């Protein structure tokens, strides 16, 4: 009788252990599936996440014999997503913080790529949409020209100016749940102040450039939504 009882007890323990092992295997499989899905999303499906950074110094210049203002702004664009993000264009709103300034503000558009050339016959590389692959970085100097009224100069003397940099990103306004899921995240407008010590119109007319510095000398960044 004792032997029969012992056999029955061991059988119950084995059956319980079997049920426990099956439950554990199910949990492990479920977790593996979840992590696999997350990995697939972050490596394949995750939308482009564009961020833009600017350094503490940009260059102010004038083109066409000193008649047209130019802002040469180095930018670094990063994509923290998995999909490629495309920056179609950029705009730069500039405000003179002097209360008596006239004009008070102007808008400039991304016209060319590269530093302001010292020669008037230098080849200009026109701005074109910038494709930034997933987990990649793009750095270049963008030259901004007046969008309207090109001969009206905003920077006429030393002072502090407020800049607002805006990026237009492809598919940032996609429609439909799937399109929104993989659409690029556009960065918020980036606002920063820069100061110029003085303006030498003769020097600028000879295609020279004048630096505009950040007062605090700290790099500024704008993250995506």
Protein backbone atom coordinates (compact mmCIF):
# COMPACT_ATOMS: atom_id res chain seq x y z
CA UNK A 1 0.00 0.00 0.00
CA UNK A 2 2.86 2.31 0.84
CA UNK A 3 4.49 1.72 -2.56
CA UNK A 4 1.27 2.49 -4.42
CA UNK A 5 0.79 5.69 -2.43
CA UNK A 6 4.36 6.81 -3.17
CA UNK A 7 3.95 6.18 -6.91
CA UNK A 8 0.75 8.23 -6.97
CA UNK A 9 2.43 11.15 -5.18
CA UNK A 10 5.37 11.31 -7.54
CA UNK A 11 3.01 11.25 -10.48
CA UNK A 12 1.18 14.32 -9.12
CA UNK A 13 4.43 16.21 -8.70
CA UNK A 14 5.50 15.39 -12.27
CA UNK A 15 2.16 16.53 -13.66
CA UNK A 16 2.37 19.86 -11.74
CA UNK A 17 5.92 20.41 -12.92
CA UNK A 18 4.81 19.77 -16.48
CA UNK A 19 2.07 22.38 -16.24
CA UNK A 20 4.53 24.87 -14.74
CA UNK A 21 7.07 24.28 -17.50
CA UNK A 22 4.42 24.81 -20.18
CA UNK A 23 3.31 28.11 -18.65
CA UNK A 24 6.90 29.34 -18.44
CA UNK A 25 7.57 28.39 -22.05
CA UNK A 26 4.45 30.29 -23.14
CA UNK A 27 5.57 33.44 -21.28
CA UNK A 28 9.06 33.23 -22.77
CA UNK A 29 7.64 32.80 -26.27
CA UNK A 30 5.30 35.76 -25.78
CA UNK A 31 8.13 37.99 -24.56
CA UNK A 32 10.31 36.93 -27.48
CA UNK A 33 7.49 37.83 -29.87
CA UNK A 34 7.03 41.24 -28.27
CA UNK A 35 10.75 42.05 -28.36
CA UNK A 36 10.94 40.84 -31.94
CA UNK A 37 8.11 43.19 -32.87
CA UNK A 38 9.76 46.12 -31.12
CA UNK A 39 13.06 45.37 -32.85
CA UNK A 40 11.33 45.19 -36.24
CA UNK A 41 9.59 48.52 -35.64
CA UNK A 42 12.71 50.39 -34.51
CA UNK A 43 14.87 48.95 -37.31
CA UNK A 44 12.37 48.98 -40.21
CA UNK A 45 9.10 50.81 -39.54
CA UNK A 46 10.03 53.66 -37.19
CA UNK A 47 9.38 56.99 -38.86
CA UNK A 48 12.16 59.46 -39.54
CA UNK A 49 12.77 61.69 -36.52
CA UNK A 50 14.49 64.83 -37.74
CA UNK A 51 16.37 67.16 -35.40
CA UNK A 52 18.39 70.24 -36.33
CA UNK A 53 21.33 71.84 -34.55
CA UNK A 54 23.16 75.11 -35.14
CA UNK A 55 26.56 76.27 -33.84
CA UNK A 56 27.15 79.46 -31.84
CA UNK A 57 28.52 81.38 -34.85
CA UNK A 58 27.10 82.20 -38.28
CA UNK A 59 28.39 84.52 -41.00
CA UNK A 60 26.69 87.64 -42.32
CA UNK A 61 27.56 88.65 -45.89
CA UNK A 62 26.29 90.63 -48.85
CA UNK A 63 26.06 89.54 -52.46
CA UNK A 64 25.71 91.41 -55.77
CA UNK A 65 28.19 94.19 -54.97
CA UNK A 66 26.91 94.56 -51.43
CA UNK A 67 23.25 94.96 -52.33
CA UNK A 68 21.74 91.64 -51.17
CA UNK A 69 22.02 90.27 -47.64
CA UNK A 70 23.18 86.70 -47.03
CA UNK A 71 23.22 84.61 -43.87
CA UNK A 72 25.61 81.64 -44.04
CA UNK A 73 24.36 79.27 -41.35
CA UNK A 74 26.05 75.91 -40.62
CA UNK A 75 23.42 73.29 -39.79
CA UNK A 76 23.58 69.70 -38.61
CA UNK A 77 20.54 67.53 -39.28
CA UNK A 78 20.17 64.20 -37.50
CA UNK A 79 17.66 61.42 -38.10
CA UNK A 80 16.97 59.30 -35.02
CA UNK A 81 14.39 57.16 -36.82
CA UNK A 82 14.77 54.08 -39.01
CA UNK A 83 13.29 55.46 -42.24
CA UNK A 84 14.89 58.08 -44.45
CA UNK A 85 13.74 61.65 -43.82
CA UNK A 86 13.84 64.38 -46.46
CA UNK A 87 14.20 68.10 -45.73
CA UNK A 88 12.56 69.84 -48.68
CA UNK A 89 13.44 73.42 -47.78
CA UNK A 90 14.38 75.79 -44.97
CA UNK A 91 13.38 79.31 -44.07
CA UNK A 92 14.98 81.81 -41.74
CA UNK A 93 12.94 84.55 -40.08
CA UNK A 94 15.21 87.30 -38.73
CA UNK A 95 14.12 90.04 -36.34
CA UNK A 96 16.12 93.10 -35.34
CA UNK A 97 15.71 93.43 -31.57
CA UNK A 98 16.37 97.18 -31.71
CA UNK A 99 12.94 98.76 -31.03
CA UNK A 100 13.54 101.54 -33.56
CA UNK A 101 14.75 99.31 -36.39
CA UNK A 102 13.36 99.70 -39.90
CA UNK A 103 12.75 97.19 -41.34
CA UNK A 104 12.01 95.26 -38.17
CA UNK A 105 12.03 91.73 -39.61
CA UNK A 106 12.54 89.82 -42.85
CA UNK A 107 12.30 86.25 -44.11
CA UNK A 108 15.12 84.48 -45.96
CA UNK A 109 15.04 81.21 -47.89
CA UNK A 110 17.58 78.40 -48.34
CA UNK A 111 19.15 79.32 -51.69
CA UNK A 112 22.62 77.77 -51.81
CA UNK A 113 24.85 75.22 -50.09
CA UNK A 114 28.37 76.05 -48.91
CA UNK A 115 30.29 78.98 -47.46
CA UNK A 116 29.90 82.45 -48.96
CA UNK A 117 32.38 82.50 -51.89
CA UNK A 118 35.03 85.22 -51.97
CA UNK A 119 34.79 85.45 -55.77
CA UNK A 120 31.70 86.71 -57.61
CA UNK A 121 32.24 84.21 -60.44
CA UNK A 122 32.48 81.18 -58.15
CA UNK A 123 30.17 78.29 -58.92
CA UNK A 124 27.13 78.28 -56.63
CA UNK A 125 25.61 74.98 -55.53
CA UNK A 126 21.86 75.43 -55.37
CA UNK A 127 20.01 74.09 -52.36
CA UNK A 128 18.22 70.80 -53.08
CA UNK A 129 16.14 68.52 -50.85
CA UNK A 130 18.33 66.75 -48.29
CA UNK A 131 17.75 63.04 -47.69
CA UNK A 132 18.99 61.80 -44.31
CA UNK A 133 18.96 58.02 -43.93
CA UNK A 134 17.97 56.35 -40.67
CA UNK A 135 20.37 56.88 -37.74
CA UNK A 136 22.47 59.20 -39.90
CA UNK A 137 23.69 62.81 -39.77
CA UNK A 138 24.06 65.55 -42.37
CA UNK A 139 26.15 68.72 -41.86
CA UNK A 140 26.56 71.64 -44.25
CA UNK A 141 26.48 75.43 -44.45
CA UNK A 142 23.26 76.82 -45.93
CA UNK A 143 23.18 80.32 -47.44
CA UNK A 144 19.92 82.17 -46.94
CA UNK A 145 18.83 84.99 -49.29
CA UNK A 146 15.93 87.46 -48.89
CA UNK A 147 12.57 86.03 -49.86
CA UNK A 148 11.19 89.47 -50.79
CA UNK A 149 12.52 93.02 -51.16
CA UNK A 150 16.15 91.86 -51.66
CA UNK A 151 17.75 95.33 -51.53
CA UNK A 152 16.19 96.34 -48.21
CA UNK A 153 18.83 95.58 -45.56
CA UNK A 154 17.82 94.32 -42.15
CA UNK A 155 21.33 94.34 -40.66
CA UNK A 156 22.53 97.93 -40.90
CA UNK A 157 24.50 98.25 -37.67
CA UNK A 158 25.77 96.26 -34.73
CA UNK A 159 23.20 94.72 -32.43
CA UNK A 160 21.34 91.56 -31.51
CA UNK A 161 19.10 89.70 -33.93
CA UNK A 162 16.63 86.90 -33.32
CA UNK A 163 16.55 83.99 -35.77
CA UNK A 164 13.80 81.43 -36.29
CA UNK A 165 14.86 78.45 -38.41
CA UNK A 166 12.07 76.33 -39.92
CA UNK A 167 12.42 73.06 -41.81
CA UNK A 168 9.86 71.66 -44.25
CA UNK A 169 10.01 67.86 -44.04
CA UNK A 170 8.46 65.44 -46.55
CA UNK A 171 5.37 63.56 -45.35
CA UNK A 172 5.22 65.47 -42.08
CA UNK A 173 1.47 65.98 -42.70
CA UNK A 174 0.67 62.48 -43.98
CA UNK A 175 -2.95 61.29 -43.90
CA UNK A 176 -4.21 57.87 -42.82
CA UNK A 177 -3.17 55.85 -39.78
CA UNK A 178 -0.48 53.86 -41.59
CA UNK A 179 1.01 56.93 -43.27
CA UNK A 180 1.04 58.76 -39.95
CA UNK A 181 2.73 55.77 -38.35
CA UNK A 182 5.74 55.89 -40.68
CA UNK A 183 5.68 59.60 -41.62
CA UNK A 184 8.63 61.80 -40.69
CA UNK A 185 8.57 63.89 -37.53
CA UNK A 186 9.31 67.52 -38.39
CA UNK A 187 11.34 69.52 -35.86
CA UNK A 188 9.81 72.47 -34.10
CA UNK A 189 11.04 75.92 -35.22
CA UNK A 190 14.45 76.66 -33.74
CA UNK A 191 14.80 80.11 -32.16
CA UNK A 192 18.18 81.62 -31.29
CA UNK A 193 19.81 85.06 -30.89
CA UNK A 194 23.04 86.22 -32.51
CA UNK A 195 24.99 89.45 -32.06
CA UNK A 196 27.09 91.34 -34.60
CA UNK A 197 29.64 93.86 -33.30
CA UNK A 198 29.53 96.29 -36.24
CA UNK A 199 28.71 96.44 -39.96
CA UNK A 200 31.41 97.46 -42.43
CA UNK A 201 29.50 97.97 -45.69
CA UNK A 202 32.65 98.50 -47.76
CA UNK A 203 34.21 95.26 -46.56
CA UNK A 204 30.97 93.36 -47.11
CA UNK A 205 30.74 94.81 -50.62
CA UNK A 206 34.09 93.15 -51.37
CA UNK A 207 32.52 89.78 -50.45
CA UNK A 208 33.86 89.73 -46.93
CA UNK A 209 31.89 88.19 -44.09
CA UNK A 210 31.20 89.28 -40.50
CA UNK A 211 30.61 86.79 -37.69
CA UNK A 212 27.44 86.85 -35.62
CA UNK A 213 27.99 85.23 -32.22
CA UNK A 214 25.73 83.69 -29.62
CA UNK A 215 25.87 85.68 -26.42
CA UNK A 216 26.12 82.54 -24.28
CA UNK A 217 28.22 80.46 -26.73
CA UNK A 218 26.10 77.36 -26.26
CA UNK A 219 24.89 75.20 -29.15
CA UNK A 220 21.13 75.15 -29.59
CA UNK A 221 19.03 72.21 -30.75
CA UNK A 222 15.47 71.47 -31.74
CA UNK A 223 13.98 68.02 -31.24
CA UNK A 224 11.16 66.55 -33.27
CA UNK A 225 7.64 66.43 -31.91
